[in-house]
Every structure is written in structure tokens, then in C-alpha cells.
Amino acid sequence: MSTLYIVGTPIGNLGDITFRAVETFKSVDVVAAEDTRHTLQLLNHLQIKKPLVSCRSQNEEQASEKIIKMLDEGQTVAYASDAGTPGISDPGAVLAGLARKAGHTVVPIPGASAFASLVSVAGAGGKTLVFEGFLSPKPGRRRSRLKELLAMDAAIVLYESPFRIVKLLTDIADIDSERRVVVGRELTKLHEEIVEGTAQETLENFASRSKIQGEFAVFISKSSEKFSKNSKDFSEDADN
């Protein structure tokens, strides 16, 4: 039996690569990647040359079978998604599950995550955090799921594209305009931006922009956290 390493990679700033990730890439026989072109750029930056194989969400099961065959032959493999930690709104979970089922050792190499990065600066969260990732692009399904999430007494983290961020913020504001929201855009990158306010305020901020670029992570406070517009902070409402 052999070893599959699930490697977290930078979500933007290449300085966030860990020493352990670099050593893992150096030591394995093969690097599997969500996008071989993207991962090749990272390996070139690190001055590491390794054979690359593709394993995308569209073909993860079939590609996993090929990777498991490599593991069966005694080769060690490192898997990296385009950015962040595989298996978190990225491919990798299917490969990890099938490799373990085949009897191989699956080792996590922790790294960057937009989810953890945003939560770390949101200033709230409590014991319960719900990570939903990307909601459905279909308006009805997105709004229905949002209503379910906002009814929970838990903080929520979502991912969204620049093409639908205003639609998402519109839905949140329509459901609860005073809910505290923290939006992270292009986290760890050159144009990183963190915007905080009520759902209505953050909607107005982004809706007023002529152009929206970048990837988004959105933190939504739990319902018992009320936003103070004067002090720009939040407090627990003891009556809730």
C-alpha cells in the first residue's frame, strides 16, 4: 500500500504555502491536480518538477481510479486543487474516500482556506458555524436554502462568484436586512477587501459598483447578533 497526500495550497498569496506542503511536493512520485496548468505554475514557482495528472470535479471518479492504480503500484501521490484545501468546495473528497477504501493511507497536509481566513477576521462565530459553500445559481433554490440557513441560530459562511454576489446579497437583505454580514473579496491577494455592515449596507456597497471582480466569501452572523451602526460592532441580544 502507498500514501496519498491531500495538500492545501495558497488561495492567492504564494507566501502562504507551508514548509510541509513544499516538502511533500518534493518527495512524492506524482502530483495530481484539479487543473494541471494551474498547479504547474505553483510547482514552477517552487522550482519543483514532477509528473502531473488531472483530477477535476467533472471526471473525479474516473481519474481517481487511475490515481489509485498508481498507488497500487507503490507510487506516492500528492493531490492539490486550484486553491485552498481540497474537498472544501473543491474536488478531492471522492479521491480521498476511494483511496482509503482501497487500503491506502490518506494524509492531510493542512493549508489555506477562504472559509477559515474569513472566519478568523469576522470577529464572531461562536461554537456553531455552518459552511454551505456555493448555493444554487437558480434563484428559487438559492432563496429557499437561504431562508433555511438564516433561520438557524448559527453563523454561516458562503462562497460566491463576482457574477452572482449582488444577487446573493439582495436575497440576504430581503430576508433579514439588519443581519450582520462580512464580505471577503480576493482574500490574501493584492486587492484583498473586507466589507462589514448590515445585509442592506453591504448590498448597497456592491450594487453601486460599476464593475465587480474577484472571488467572494461571505460571513453571515447568527440571528442573535445585532449590528450597531454607530459603533460598527455587534453585541449579543440577551432577549433572543
C-alpha atoms as a PDB file:
ATOM      1  CA  MET A   1       0.000   0.000   0.000  1.00  0.00           C
ATOM      2  CA  SER A   2       1.083   3.564  -0.624  1.00  0.00           C
ATOM      3  CA  THR A   3       0.246   7.111   0.528  1.00  0.00           C
ATOM      4  CA  LEU A   4      -1.965   9.839  -0.895  1.00  0.00           C
ATOM      5  CA  TYR A   5      -1.335  13.334   0.440  1.00  0.00           C
ATOM      6  CA  ILE A   6      -4.165  15.879   0.310  1.00  0.00           C
ATOM      7  CA  VAL A   7      -2.311  19.185   0.102  1.00  0.00           C
ATOM      8  CA  GLY A   8      -3.668  22.628   0.930  1.00  0.00           C
ATOM      9  CA  THR A   9      -2.248  25.343  -1.346  1.00  0.00           C
ATOM     10  CA  PRO A  10      -2.409  29.169  -1.287  1.00  0.00           C
ATOM     11  CA  ILE A  11      -5.728  30.848  -2.139  1.00  0.00           C
ATOM     12  CA  GLY A  12      -3.860  33.839  -3.535  1.00  0.00           C
ATOM     13  CA  ASN A  13      -0.648  34.869  -1.827  1.00  0.00           C
ATOM     14  CA  LEU A  14       2.003  32.277  -2.706  1.00  0.00           C
ATOM     15  CA  GLY A  15       3.774  33.112   0.554  1.00  0.00           C
ATOM     16  CA  ASP A  16       1.058  31.131   2.336  1.00  0.00           C
ATOM     17  CA  ILE A  17       2.449  27.797   1.096  1.00  0.00           C
ATOM     18  CA  THR A  18       3.588  25.747   4.095  1.00  0.00           C
ATOM     19  CA  PHE A  19       7.027  24.187   4.504  1.00  0.00           C
ATOM     20  CA  ARG A  20       5.333  20.823   4.848  1.00  0.00           C
ATOM     21  CA  ALA A  21       3.444  21.275   1.565  1.00  0.00           C
ATOM     22  CA  VAL A  22       6.679  22.117  -0.249  1.00  0.00           C
ATOM     23  CA  GLU A  23       8.459  19.087   1.206  1.00  0.00           C
ATOM     24  CA  THR A  24       5.507  16.877   0.275  1.00  0.00           C
ATOM     25  CA  PHE A  25       5.544  18.027  -3.346  1.00  0.00           C
ATOM     26  CA  LYS A  26       9.286  17.388  -3.447  1.00  0.00           C
ATOM     27  CA  SER A  27       9.009  13.899  -2.008  1.00  0.00           C
ATOM     28  CA  VAL A  28       6.121  12.336  -3.953  1.00  0.00           C
ATOM     29  CA  ASP A  29       6.334  10.486  -7.241  1.00  0.00           C
ATOM     30  CA  VAL A  30       3.296  12.137  -8.843  1.00  0.00           C
ATOM     31  CA  VAL A  31       1.261  15.315  -8.327  1.00  0.00           C
ATOM     32  CA  ALA A  32      -2.442  15.071  -9.130  1.00  0.00           C
ATOM     33  CA  ALA A  33      -4.261  18.344  -9.681  1.00  0.00           C
ATOM     34  CA  GLU A  34      -7.664  19.871 -10.313  1.00  0.00           C
ATOM     35  CA  ASP A  35      -6.052  21.908 -13.103  1.00  0.00           C
ATOM     36  CA  THR A  36      -2.585  20.762 -14.123  1.00  0.00           C
ATOM     37  CA  ARG A  37      -1.803  24.131 -15.742  1.00  0.00           C
ATOM     38  CA  HIS A  38      -2.600  25.999 -12.522  1.00  0.00           C
ATOM     39  CA  THR A  39      -0.632  23.597 -10.324  1.00  0.00           C
ATOM     40  CA  LEU A  40       2.282  23.626 -12.778  1.00  0.00           C
ATOM     41  CA  GLN A  41       2.595  27.378 -12.185  1.00  0.00           C
ATOM     42  CA  LEU A  42       2.823  26.758  -8.439  1.00  0.00           C
ATOM     43  CA  LEU A  43       5.386  23.977  -8.856  1.00  0.00           C
ATOM     44  CA  ASN A  44       7.445  26.142 -11.212  1.00  0.00           C
ATOM     45  CA  HIS A  45       7.387  28.910  -8.595  1.00  0.00           C
ATOM     46  CA  LEU A  46       8.675  26.388  -6.063  1.00  0.00           C
ATOM     47  CA  GLN A  47      11.216  25.040  -8.592  1.00  0.00           C
ATOM     48  CA  ILE A  48       9.777  21.552  -8.327  1.00  0.00           C
ATOM     49  CA  LYS A  49       9.408  19.217 -11.307  1.00  0.00           C
ATOM     50  CA  LYS A  50       7.016  16.280 -11.024  1.00  0.00           C
ATOM     51  CA  PRO A  51       4.739  14.322 -13.373  1.00  0.00           C
ATOM     52  CA  LEU A  52       1.236  15.794 -13.312  1.00  0.00           C
ATOM     53  CA  VAL A  53      -2.115  14.040 -13.717  1.00  0.00           C
ATOM     54  CA  SER A  54      -5.539  15.666 -13.923  1.00  0.00           C
ATOM     55  CA  CYS A  55      -8.340  15.006 -11.435  1.00  0.00           C
ATOM     56  CA  ARG A  56     -11.188  17.507 -11.905  1.00  0.00           C
ATOM     57  CA  SER A  57     -14.683  17.564 -10.451  1.00  0.00           C
ATOM     58  CA  GLN A  58     -16.069  16.625 -13.884  1.00  0.00           C
ATOM     59  CA  ASN A  59     -14.045  13.401 -14.052  1.00  0.00           C
ATOM     60  CA  GLU A  60     -13.027  12.841 -10.432  1.00  0.00           C
ATOM     61  CA  GLU A  61     -14.283   9.287 -10.127  1.00  0.00           C
ATOM     62  CA  GLN A  62     -12.658   8.073 -13.355  1.00  0.00           C
ATOM     63  CA  ALA A  63      -9.434   9.988 -12.663  1.00  0.00           C
ATOM     64  CA  SER A  64      -9.367   8.626  -9.118  1.00  0.00           C
ATOM     65  CA  GLU A  65      -9.304   5.094 -10.467  1.00  0.00           C
ATOM     66  CA  LYS A  66      -6.144   5.906 -12.430  1.00  0.00           C
ATOM     67  CA  ILE A  67      -4.549   7.516  -9.376  1.00  0.00           C
ATOM     68  CA  ILE A  68      -5.422   4.542  -7.172  1.00  0.00           C
ATOM     69  CA  LYS A  69      -3.751   2.286  -9.737  1.00  0.00           C
ATOM     70  CA  MET A  70      -0.594   4.377  -9.294  1.00  0.00           C
ATOM     71  CA  LEU A  71      -0.907   3.952  -5.539  1.00  0.00           C
ATOM     72  CA  ASP A  72      -1.395   0.208  -6.007  1.00  0.00           C
ATOM     73  CA  GLU A  73       1.893   0.175  -7.905  1.00  0.00           C
ATOM     74  CA  GLY A  74       3.652   1.756  -4.923  1.00  0.00           C
ATOM     75  CA  GLN A  75       3.843   5.346  -6.117  1.00  0.00           C
ATOM     76  CA  THR A  76       3.172   8.193  -3.709  1.00  0.00           C
ATOM     77  CA  VAL A  77       0.777  10.906  -4.861  1.00  0.00           C
ATOM     78  CA  ALA A  78       0.042  14.460  -3.720  1.00  0.00           C
ATOM     79  CA  TYR A  79      -3.306  15.968  -4.677  1.00  0.00           C
ATOM     80  CA  ALA A  80      -3.890  19.732  -4.943  1.00  0.00           C
ATOM     81  CA  SER A  81      -6.961  21.654  -6.018  1.00  0.00           C
ATOM     82  CA  ASP A  82      -6.613  25.035  -7.736  1.00  0.00           C
ATOM     83  CA  ALA A  83      -6.516  26.922  -4.437  1.00  0.00           C
ATOM     84  CA  GLY A  84      -7.136  26.233  -0.782  1.00  0.00           C
ATOM     85  CA  THR A  85      -7.866  22.871   0.790  1.00  0.00           C
ATOM     86  CA  PRO A  86      -9.151  20.041  -1.437  1.00  0.00           C
ATOM     87  CA  GLY A  87     -12.580  18.719  -0.534  1.00  0.00           C
ATOM     88  CA  ILE A  88     -13.866  22.115   0.667  1.00  0.00           C
ATOM     89  CA  SER A  89     -15.986  23.315  -2.284  1.00  0.00           C
ATOM     90  CA  ASP A  90     -13.260  21.753  -4.421  1.00  0.00           C
ATOM     91  CA  PRO A  91     -12.656  18.242  -5.761  1.00  0.00           C
ATOM     92  CA  GLY A  92     -10.631  15.821  -3.666  1.00  0.00           C
ATOM     93  CA  ALA A  93     -13.195  14.188  -1.400  1.00  0.00           C
ATOM     94  CA  VAL A  94     -14.029  11.412  -3.867  1.00  0.00           C
ATOM     95  CA  LEU A  95     -10.345  10.627  -4.409  1.00  0.00           C
ATOM     96  CA  ALA A  96      -9.611  10.577  -0.672  1.00  0.00           C
ATOM     97  CA  GLY A  97     -12.558   8.274   0.019  1.00  0.00           C
ATOM     98  CA  LEU A  98     -11.735   5.816  -2.757  1.00  0.00           C
ATOM     99  CA  ALA A  99      -8.040   5.737  -1.825  1.00  0.00           C
ATOM    100  CA  ARG A 100      -8.843   4.937   1.795  1.00  0.00           C
ATOM    101  CA  LYS A 101     -11.352   2.277   0.695  1.00  0.00           C
ATOM    102  CA  ALA A 102      -8.604   0.699  -1.417  1.00  0.00           C
ATOM    103  CA  GLY A 103      -6.447   0.399   1.701  1.00  0.00           C
ATOM    104  CA  HIS A 104      -4.056   3.264   1.089  1.00  0.00           C
ATOM    105  CA  THR A 105      -3.001   5.809   3.699  1.00  0.00           C
ATOM    106  CA  VAL A 106      -4.523   9.269   3.175  1.00  0.00           C
ATOM    107  CA  VAL A 107      -2.592  12.067   4.875  1.00  0.00           C
ATOM    108  CA  PRO A 108      -3.823  15.673   5.231  1.00  0.00           C
ATOM    109  CA  ILE A 109      -1.301  18.461   4.609  1.00  0.00           C
ATOM    110  CA  PRO A 110      -3.191  21.483   6.010  1.00  0.00           C
ATOM    111  CA  GLY A 111      -3.096  24.812   4.262  1.00  0.00           C
ATOM    112  CA  ALA A 112      -5.004  27.927   3.375  1.00  0.00           C
ATOM    113  CA  SER A 113      -8.789  28.107   3.244  1.00  0.00           C
ATOM    114  CA  ALA A 114     -11.003  31.082   2.350  1.00  0.00           C
ATOM    115  CA  PHE A 115     -13.523  29.754   4.876  1.00  0.00           C
ATOM    116  CA  ALA A 116     -11.074  29.787   7.793  1.00  0.00           C
ATOM    117  CA  SER A 117      -9.471  33.053   6.656  1.00  0.00           C
ATOM    118  CA  LEU A 118     -12.763  34.952   6.670  1.00  0.00           C
ATOM    119  CA  VAL A 119     -13.961  33.477   9.961  1.00  0.00           C
ATOM    120  CA  SER A 120     -10.676  34.474  11.601  1.00  0.00           C
ATOM    121  CA  VAL A 121     -11.311  38.172  10.895  1.00  0.00           C
ATOM    122  CA  ALA A 122     -15.110  38.244  11.122  1.00  0.00           C
ATOM    123  CA  GLY A 123     -14.967  38.793  14.868  1.00  0.00           C
ATOM    124  CA  ALA A 124     -17.759  36.354  15.668  1.00  0.00           C
ATOM    125  CA  GLY A 125     -18.943  32.858  15.037  1.00  0.00           C
ATOM    126  CA  GLY A 126     -19.378  31.142  18.370  1.00  0.00           C
ATOM    127  CA  LYS A 127     -19.347  27.389  18.740  1.00  0.00           C
ATOM    128  CA  THR A 128     -21.526  26.628  15.732  1.00  0.00           C
ATOM    129  CA  LEU A 129     -20.530  27.531  12.186  1.00  0.00           C
ATOM    130  CA  VAL A 130     -22.395  26.323   9.115  1.00  0.00           C
ATOM    131  CA  PHE A 131     -20.290  26.139   5.952  1.00  0.00           C
ATOM    132  CA  GLU A 132     -22.540  25.907   2.907  1.00  0.00           C
ATOM    133  CA  GLY A 133     -20.084  26.769   0.139  1.00  0.00           C
ATOM    134  CA  PHE A 134     -21.741  27.773  -3.132  1.00  0.00           C
ATOM    135  CA  LEU A 135     -25.526  27.977  -3.152  1.00  0.00           C
ATOM    136  CA  SER A 136     -27.550  27.008  -6.208  1.00  0.00           C
ATOM    137  CA  PRO A 137     -27.360  29.553  -9.055  1.00  0.00           C
ATOM    138  CA  LYS A 138     -31.120  29.081  -9.541  1.00  0.00           C
ATOM    139  CA  PRO A 139     -32.917  31.979  -7.778  1.00  0.00           C
ATOM    140  CA  GLY A 140     -35.708  29.904  -6.252  1.00  0.00           C
ATOM    141  CA  ARG A 141     -33.423  27.247  -4.815  1.00  0.00           C
ATOM    142  CA  ARG A 142     -30.908  29.826  -3.579  1.00  0.00           C
ATOM    143  CA  ARG A 143     -33.534  31.869  -1.750  1.00  0.00           C
ATOM    144  CA  SER A 144     -35.213  28.781  -0.284  1.00  0.00           C
ATOM    145  CA  ARG A 145     -31.939  27.477   1.110  1.00  0.00           C
ATOM    146  CA  LEU A 146     -31.001  30.926   2.429  1.00  0.00           C
ATOM    147  CA  LYS A 147     -34.256  31.093   4.398  1.00  0.00           C
ATOM    148  CA  GLU A 148     -33.421  27.734   5.979  1.00  0.00           C
ATOM    149  CA  LEU A 149     -29.878  28.830   6.840  1.00  0.00           C
ATOM    150  CA  LEU A 150     -30.865  32.209   8.254  1.00  0.00           C
ATOM    151  CA  ALA A 151     -33.448  30.533  10.480  1.00  0.00           C
ATOM    152  CA  MET A 152     -30.650  28.651  12.266  1.00  0.00           C
ATOM    153  CA  ASP A 153     -29.064  30.160  15.360  1.00  0.00           C
ATOM    154  CA  ALA A 154     -25.627  29.752  13.825  1.00  0.00           C
ATOM    155  CA  ALA A 155     -23.121  31.781  11.842  1.00  0.00           C
ATOM    156  CA  ILE A 156     -22.966  30.885   8.154  1.00  0.00           C
ATOM    157  CA  VAL A 157     -20.175  31.036   5.578  1.00  0.00           C
ATOM    158  CA  LEU A 158     -20.901  31.011   1.848  1.00  0.00           C
ATOM    159  CA  TYR A 159     -18.810  31.250  -1.291  1.00  0.00           C
ATOM    160  CA  GLU A 160     -19.924  33.230  -4.322  1.00  0.00           C
ATOM    161  CA  SER A 161     -18.696  34.371  -7.736  1.00  0.00           C
ATOM    162  CA  PRO A 162     -18.433  38.009  -8.835  1.00  0.00           C
ATOM    163  CA  PHE A 163     -21.318  37.391 -11.240  1.00  0.00           C
ATOM    164  CA  ARG A 164     -23.828  36.491  -8.517  1.00  0.00           C
ATOM    165  CA  ILE A 165     -22.593  38.308  -5.396  1.00  0.00           C
ATOM    166  CA  VAL A 166     -25.134  41.149  -5.740  1.00  0.00           C
ATOM    167  CA  LYS A 167     -27.947  38.625  -6.258  1.00  0.00           C
ATOM    168  CA  LEU A 168     -26.863  36.767  -3.123  1.00  0.00           C
ATOM    169  CA  LEU A 169     -26.668  39.953  -1.044  1.00  0.00           C
ATOM    170  CA  THR A 170     -30.064  41.013  -2.384  1.00  0.00           C
ATOM    171  CA  ASP A 171     -31.613  37.757  -1.196  1.00  0.00           C
ATOM    172  CA  ILE A 172     -29.999  38.063   2.247  1.00  0.00           C
ATOM    173  CA  ALA A 173     -31.185  41.663   2.617  1.00  0.00           C
ATOM    174  CA  ASP A 174     -34.707  40.737   1.522  1.00  0.00           C
ATOM    175  CA  ILE A 175     -34.876  38.038   4.188  1.00  0.00           C
ATOM    176  CA  ASP A 176     -33.178  39.970   7.017  1.00  0.00           C
ATOM    177  CA  SER A 177     -31.906  43.434   6.103  1.00  0.00           C
ATOM    178  CA  GLU A 178     -30.348  44.043   9.548  1.00  0.00           C
ATOM    179  CA  ARG A 179     -28.354  40.810   9.739  1.00  0.00           C
ATOM    180  CA  ARG A 180     -24.627  41.425  10.224  1.00  0.00           C
ATOM    181  CA  VAL A 181     -22.592  40.449   7.168  1.00  0.00           C
ATOM    182  CA  VAL A 182     -18.836  40.379   6.492  1.00  0.00           C
ATOM    183  CA  VAL A 183     -17.807  40.027   2.853  1.00  0.00           C
ATOM    184  CA  GLY A 184     -14.271  38.960   1.945  1.00  0.00           C
ATOM    185  CA  ARG A 185     -13.187  39.665  -1.630  1.00  0.00           C
ATOM    186  CA  GLU A 186      -9.938  38.340  -3.109  1.00  0.00           C
ATOM    187  CA  LEU A 187      -8.721  37.116   0.289  1.00  0.00           C
ATOM    188  CA  THR A 188      -4.882  37.093   0.655  1.00  0.00           C
ATOM    189  CA  LYS A 189      -4.471  38.627  -2.821  1.00  0.00           C
ATOM    190  CA  LEU A 190      -3.159  42.045  -3.817  1.00  0.00           C
ATOM    191  CA  HIS A 191      -6.617  43.644  -3.917  1.00  0.00           C
ATOM    192  CA  GLU A 192      -7.977  41.954  -0.795  1.00  0.00           C
ATOM    193  CA  GLU A 193     -11.026  43.720   0.609  1.00  0.00           C
ATOM    194  CA  ILE A 194     -13.166  43.059   3.684  1.00  0.00           C
ATOM    195  CA  VAL A 195     -16.505  44.857   3.907  1.00  0.00           C
ATOM    196  CA  GLU A 196     -18.667  44.761   7.038  1.00  0.00           C
ATOM    197  CA  GLY A 197     -22.183  46.054   7.660  1.00  0.00           C
ATOM    198  CA  THR A 198     -25.814  45.088   7.733  1.00  0.00           C
ATOM    199  CA  ALA A 199     -27.072  42.965   4.854  1.00  0.00           C
ATOM    200  CA  GLN A 200     -28.664  46.080   3.366  1.00  0.00           C
ATOM    201  CA  GLU A 201     -25.493  48.157   3.730  1.00  0.00           C
ATOM    202  CA  THR A 202     -23.268  45.542   2.096  1.00  0.00           C
ATOM    203  CA  LEU A 203     -25.799  45.123  -0.712  1.00  0.00           C
ATOM    204  CA  GLU A 204     -25.797  48.865  -1.395  1.00  0.00           C
ATOM    205  CA  ASN A 205     -21.994  48.903  -1.323  1.00  0.00           C
ATOM    206  CA  PHE A 206     -21.561  46.284  -4.022  1.00  0.00           C
ATOM    207  CA  ALA A 207     -24.657  47.155  -6.052  1.00  0.00           C
ATOM    208  CA  SER A 208     -23.285  50.679  -6.522  1.00  0.00           C
ATOM    209  CA  ARG A 209     -20.064  49.448  -8.136  1.00  0.00           C
ATOM    210  CA  SER A 210     -19.714  49.672 -11.897  1.00  0.00           C
ATOM    211  CA  LYS A 211     -17.560  46.556 -12.012  1.00  0.00           C
ATOM    212  CA  ILE A 212     -17.124  43.642  -9.616  1.00  0.00           C
ATOM    213  CA  GLN A 213     -14.165  41.277  -9.830  1.00  0.00           C
ATOM    214  CA  GLY A 214     -12.664  38.553  -7.685  1.00  0.00           C
ATOM    215  CA  GLU A 215     -13.849  35.592  -5.647  1.00  0.00           C
ATOM    216  CA  PHE A 216     -16.012  36.086  -2.586  1.00  0.00           C
ATOM    217  CA  ALA A 217     -16.502  34.521   0.837  1.00  0.00           C
ATOM    218  CA  VAL A 218     -19.496  35.767   2.848  1.00  0.00           C
ATOM    219  CA  PHE A 219     -19.893  35.519   6.629  1.00  0.00           C
ATOM    220  CA  ILE A 220     -23.443  35.913   7.975  1.00  0.00           C
ATOM    221  CA  SER A 221     -23.874  36.324  11.722  1.00  0.00           C
ATOM    222  CA  LYS A 222     -26.328  34.265  13.689  1.00  0.00           C
ATOM    223  CA  SER A 223     -29.705  35.858  14.305  1.00  0.00           C
ATOM    224  CA  SER A 224     -28.961  36.761  17.950  1.00  0.00           C
ATOM    225  CA  GLU A 225     -26.061  39.055  16.927  1.00  0.00           C
ATOM    226  CA  LYS A 226     -27.296  42.581  16.349  1.00  0.00           C
ATOM    227  CA  PHE A 227     -25.240  45.081  14.370  1.00  0.00           C
ATOM    228  CA  SER A 228     -24.649  48.531  15.881  1.00  0.00           C
ATOM    229  CA  LYS A 229     -24.438  51.164  13.128  1.00  0.00           C
ATOM    230  CA  ASN A 230     -22.960  53.774  15.477  1.00  0.00           C
ATOM    231  CA  SER A 231     -20.071  51.797  16.908  1.00  0.00           C
ATOM    232  CA  LYS A 232     -19.692  49.426  13.960  1.00  0.00           C
ATOM    233  CA  ASP A 233     -19.597  46.460  16.268  1.00  0.00           C
ATOM    234  CA  PHE A 234     -22.027  43.795  17.357  1.00  0.00           C
ATOM    235  CA  SER A 235     -23.407  42.520  20.629  1.00  0.00           C
ATOM    236  CA  GLU A 236     -25.391  39.618  21.938  1.00  0.00           C
ATOM    237  CA  ASP A 237     -29.059  40.411  22.423  1.00  0.00           C
ATOM    238  CA  ALA A 238     -29.896  38.859  25.752  1.00  0.00           C
ATOM    239  CA  ASP A 239     -33.594  38.862  24.929  1.00  0.00           C
ATOM    240  CA  ASN A 240     -33.156  36.482  21.986  1.00  0.00           C
END
